[in-house]
Amino acid sequence: MRVPEVRLVGPSGEQVGIVPLAKALELAQEYDLDLVEVAATARPPVCKLMDYGKFKYESAMKAREARKNQAHTVIKEMKLRPKIDPHDYDTKKGHVVRFLKQGDKVKITIMFRGREQSRPELGFRLLQRLASDVEDLGFIESNPKQDGRNMIMVLGPHKKKTEAMAEAREAQAARKAGRQGPTDAAPEDGAAEASGETSSEA
């Protein structure tokens, strides 16, 4: 740094104030720390006394943890026929519901064959019906459109992926806690029963 003075921040985040650069370097040496420039565009530049090696390590760990927890929205695909039977429709709809609850987008593809291609309204009505059935969980992100022999629509989830993941973790923890159940009450109940039987025999 080629500046006469800096705004110095202490190792605990306390404001030391504007001091000559030489004084800041002297303090860094005294505390056995590094003088790190944290805001070069400020006037005067802001510097902090810190252990730079430790700072770099902690920053790298935070970045790694952020990447680990980063949620990526996935686009799932569900294929239907325009003349799908009710049972198959309910099954496919169930998959779409699950995907949306997970915070994923769903690409719905209606596949036309033969003479079905002359009846695009069948596919359009089916897509509209599906969107209406799952409107509490998702919305139409991309309206139905013809793509060759197929008709495509994309549904987006109301929930963000991170919210869905958090809810899934909470539900898993609740199920785990439910399986474990209370452990202290059982021995007391057993003891009470044994006591009751003894007194009745007496």
Protein backbone atom coordinates (compact mmCIF):
# COMPACT_ATOMS: atom_id res chain seq x y z
CA MET A 1 0.00 0.00 0.00
CA ARG A 2 1.25 3.45 -0.90
CA VAL A 3 -0.98 5.64 1.23
CA PRO A 4 0.00 7.89 4.13
CA GLU A 5 -2.79 6.69 6.43
CA VAL A 6 -5.51 4.07 6.79
CA ARG A 7 -8.74 3.61 8.70
CA LEU A 8 -7.80 0.80 11.07
CA VAL A 9 -10.08 -1.90 12.47
CA GLY A 10 -8.81 -3.92 15.42
CA PRO A 11 -8.64 -7.74 15.61
CA SER A 12 -12.01 -7.92 17.41
CA GLY A 13 -13.74 -5.59 14.97
CA GLU A 14 -13.32 -2.48 17.07
CA GLN A 15 -12.76 0.83 15.30
CA VAL A 16 -9.26 2.15 16.02
CA GLY A 17 -9.67 5.14 13.74
CA ILE A 18 -7.51 6.82 11.11
CA VAL A 19 -3.82 6.21 11.80
CA PRO A 20 -0.60 6.58 9.79
CA LEU A 21 0.26 3.50 7.75
CA ALA A 22 3.53 3.14 9.67
CA LYS A 23 1.59 3.04 12.96
CA ALA A 24 -0.80 0.40 11.60
CA LEU A 25 2.13 -1.78 10.52
CA GLU A 26 3.72 -1.30 13.92
CA LEU A 27 0.53 -2.45 15.67
CA ALA A 28 0.30 -5.48 13.38
CA GLN A 29 3.82 -6.48 14.36
CA GLU A 30 3.07 -5.86 18.03
CA TYR A 31 0.00 -8.13 17.96
CA ASP A 32 1.75 -10.68 15.71
CA LEU A 33 -1.01 -10.23 13.13
CA ASP A 34 -1.30 -9.20 9.49
CA LEU A 35 -2.47 -5.83 8.22
CA VAL A 36 -5.10 -6.70 5.60
CA GLU A 37 -6.74 -4.17 3.30
CA VAL A 38 -10.49 -4.88 3.34
CA ALA A 39 -11.84 -1.80 1.50
CA ALA A 40 -9.34 -0.49 -1.01
CA THR A 41 -11.71 2.03 -2.64
CA ALA A 42 -12.51 3.82 0.63
CA ARG A 43 -10.73 7.07 1.41
CA PRO A 44 -8.63 6.40 3.33
CA PRO A 45 -8.49 2.63 2.68
CA VAL A 46 -9.87 0.41 5.44
CA CYS A 47 -7.44 -2.12 6.92
CA LYS A 48 -7.94 -4.73 9.60
CA LEU A 49 -5.56 -6.49 11.96
CA MET A 50 -6.08 -10.23 11.55
CA ASP A 51 -4.48 -13.63 11.11
CA TYR A 52 -4.64 -13.75 7.32
CA GLY A 53 -3.96 -17.49 7.11
CA LYS A 54 -6.82 -18.24 9.50
CA PHE A 55 -9.05 -15.78 7.65
CA LYS A 56 -8.41 -17.50 4.30
CA TYR A 57 -9.08 -20.93 5.82
CA GLU A 58 -12.36 -19.85 7.42
CA SER A 59 -13.48 -18.13 4.21
CA ALA A 60 -12.75 -21.28 2.21
CA MET A 61 -14.71 -23.41 4.70
CA LYS A 62 -17.69 -21.05 4.57
CA ALA A 63 -17.67 -21.11 0.77
CA ARG A 64 -17.48 -24.89 0.81
CA GLU A 65 -20.41 -25.13 3.23
CA ALA A 66 -22.44 -22.70 1.11
CA ARG A 67 -21.84 -24.82 -2.00
CA LYS A 68 -22.79 -27.93 -0.07
CA ASN A 69 -26.09 -26.43 1.08
CA GLN A 70 -26.86 -24.77 -2.24
CA ALA A 71 -30.09 -26.11 -3.64
CA HIS A 72 -30.30 -26.69 -7.37
CA THR A 73 -33.74 -26.68 -8.95
CA VAL A 74 -34.19 -29.83 -11.01
CA ILE A 75 -36.51 -30.12 -14.00
CA LYS A 76 -38.40 -33.41 -13.86
CA GLU A 77 -40.30 -34.72 -16.87
CA MET A 78 -43.65 -36.46 -16.99
CA LYS A 79 -45.07 -37.91 -20.22
CA LEU A 80 -48.77 -38.47 -20.83
CA ARG A 81 -51.00 -39.59 -23.67
CA PRO A 82 -53.95 -37.37 -24.66
CA LYS A 83 -56.41 -40.23 -24.05
CA ILE A 84 -54.97 -41.36 -20.72
CA ASP A 85 -57.24 -43.50 -18.50
CA PRO A 86 -58.27 -42.18 -15.06
CA HIS A 87 -56.04 -44.54 -13.05
CA ASP A 88 -52.93 -43.66 -15.05
CA TYR A 89 -53.79 -39.98 -14.79
CA ASP A 90 -54.01 -40.17 -11.00
CA THR A 91 -50.67 -42.00 -10.87
CA LYS A 92 -48.95 -39.42 -13.09
CA LYS A 93 -50.53 -36.57 -11.14
CA GLY A 94 -49.19 -38.11 -7.92
CA HIS A 95 -45.67 -37.97 -9.33
CA VAL A 96 -46.13 -34.33 -10.34
CA VAL A 97 -47.38 -33.50 -6.83
CA ARG A 98 -44.33 -35.16 -5.30
CA PHE A 99 -41.93 -33.29 -7.60
CA LEU A 100 -43.54 -29.92 -6.84
CA LYS A 101 -43.46 -30.61 -3.09
CA GLN A 102 -39.73 -31.26 -3.47
CA GLY A 103 -39.36 -27.80 -5.01
CA ASP A 104 -38.62 -29.10 -8.52
CA LYS A 105 -39.99 -27.89 -11.83
CA VAL A 106 -41.95 -30.37 -13.93
CA LYS A 107 -41.99 -30.53 -17.71
CA ILE A 108 -45.25 -32.13 -18.84
CA THR A 109 -45.17 -33.68 -22.31
CA ILE A 110 -48.30 -34.84 -24.13
CA MET A 111 -47.34 -37.37 -26.82
CA PHE A 112 -49.63 -37.54 -29.86
CA ARG A 113 -49.74 -40.55 -32.15
CA GLY A 114 -51.40 -41.08 -35.52
CA ARG A 115 -54.77 -39.37 -35.80
CA GLU A 116 -54.36 -37.86 -32.33
CA GLN A 117 -52.18 -35.20 -33.95
CA SER A 118 -55.30 -33.69 -35.52
CA ARG A 119 -56.81 -33.16 -32.04
CA PRO A 120 -54.37 -30.82 -30.23
CA GLU A 121 -57.24 -29.54 -28.09
CA LEU A 122 -57.21 -32.89 -26.24
CA GLY A 123 -53.67 -32.29 -25.08
CA PHE A 124 -54.37 -28.68 -24.22
CA ARG A 125 -57.38 -29.59 -22.07
CA LEU A 126 -55.39 -32.32 -20.31
CA LEU A 127 -52.58 -29.92 -19.47
CA GLN A 128 -55.03 -27.31 -18.21
CA ARG A 129 -56.74 -29.94 -16.05
CA LEU A 130 -53.44 -31.06 -14.55
CA ALA A 131 -52.37 -27.48 -13.84
CA SER A 132 -55.69 -26.85 -12.11
CA ASP A 133 -55.39 -30.04 -10.02
CA VAL A 134 -51.98 -29.04 -8.63
CA GLU A 135 -52.45 -25.26 -8.47
CA ASP A 136 -51.95 -25.28 -4.69
CA LEU A 137 -48.41 -26.59 -5.20
CA GLY A 138 -47.32 -25.10 -8.52
CA PHE A 139 -48.04 -22.63 -11.28
CA ILE A 140 -47.78 -22.62 -15.07
CA GLU A 141 -44.28 -21.32 -15.78
CA SER A 142 -44.42 -22.05 -19.50
CA ASN A 143 -47.81 -22.19 -21.23
CA PRO A 144 -48.76 -25.22 -23.35
CA LYS A 145 -47.15 -25.12 -26.78
CA GLN A 146 -46.85 -27.51 -29.70
CA ASP A 147 -43.41 -29.03 -30.24
CA GLY A 148 -43.52 -31.31 -33.26
CA ARG A 149 -45.73 -34.26 -32.37
CA ASN A 150 -45.77 -33.29 -28.71
CA MET A 151 -47.34 -30.57 -26.60
CA ILE A 152 -45.27 -29.23 -23.71
CA MET A 153 -46.02 -27.27 -20.55
CA VAL A 154 -43.71 -26.46 -17.62
CA LEU A 155 -44.97 -26.19 -14.04
CA GLY A 156 -42.97 -24.31 -11.42
CA PRO A 157 -43.21 -24.96 -7.66
CA HIS A 158 -44.57 -22.35 -5.28
CA LYS A 159 -41.95 -23.43 -2.73
CA LYS A 160 -38.28 -22.77 -3.20
CA LYS A 161 -36.00 -25.78 -3.27
CA THR A 162 -34.36 -24.72 -0.01
CA GLU A 163 -37.74 -24.51 1.76
CA ALA A 164 -38.73 -27.95 0.49
CA MET A 165 -35.43 -29.43 1.67
CA ALA A 166 -35.82 -27.85 5.11
CA GLU A 167 -39.36 -29.21 5.47
CA ALA A 168 -38.20 -32.67 4.40
CA ARG A 169 -35.47 -32.62 7.05
CA GLU A 170 -37.97 -31.52 9.72
CA ALA A 171 -40.41 -34.26 8.73
CA GLN A 172 -37.65 -36.86 8.82
CA ALA A 173 -36.58 -35.70 12.28
CA ALA A 174 -40.20 -35.85 13.49
CA ARG A 175 -40.64 -39.39 12.17
CA LYS A 176 -37.40 -40.44 13.82
CA ALA A 177 -38.49 -38.95 17.14
CA GLY A 178 -41.88 -40.66 16.83
CA ARG A 179 -40.28 -44.07 16.29
CA GLN A 180 -38.13 -43.65 19.38
CA GLY A 181 -41.08 -42.63 21.55
CA PRO A 182 -41.01 -41.93 25.31
CA THR A 183 -38.62 -44.18 27.20
CA ASP A 184 -39.18 -43.14 30.82
CA ALA A 185 -42.90 -43.83 31.20
CA ALA A 186 -42.86 -47.59 30.50
CA PRO A 187 -40.84 -48.73 33.54
CA GLU A 188 -43.04 -46.66 35.86
CA ASP A 189 -46.21 -48.21 34.42
CA GLY A 190 -44.75 -51.66 34.85
CA ALA A 191 -43.81 -50.90 38.43
CA ALA A 192 -47.32 -49.66 39.15
CA GLU A 193 -48.86 -52.84 37.75
CA ALA A 194 -46.56 -55.03 39.81
CA SER A 195 -47.43 -53.06 42.95
CA GLY A 196 -51.13 -53.39 42.25
CA GLU A 197 -50.93 -57.17 41.79
CA THR A 198 -49.03 -57.59 45.06
CA SER A 199 -51.57 -55.61 47.08
CA SER A 200 -54.52 -57.51 45.59
CA GLU A 201 -52.99 -60.85 46.54
CA ALA A 202 -52.46 -59.61 50.07
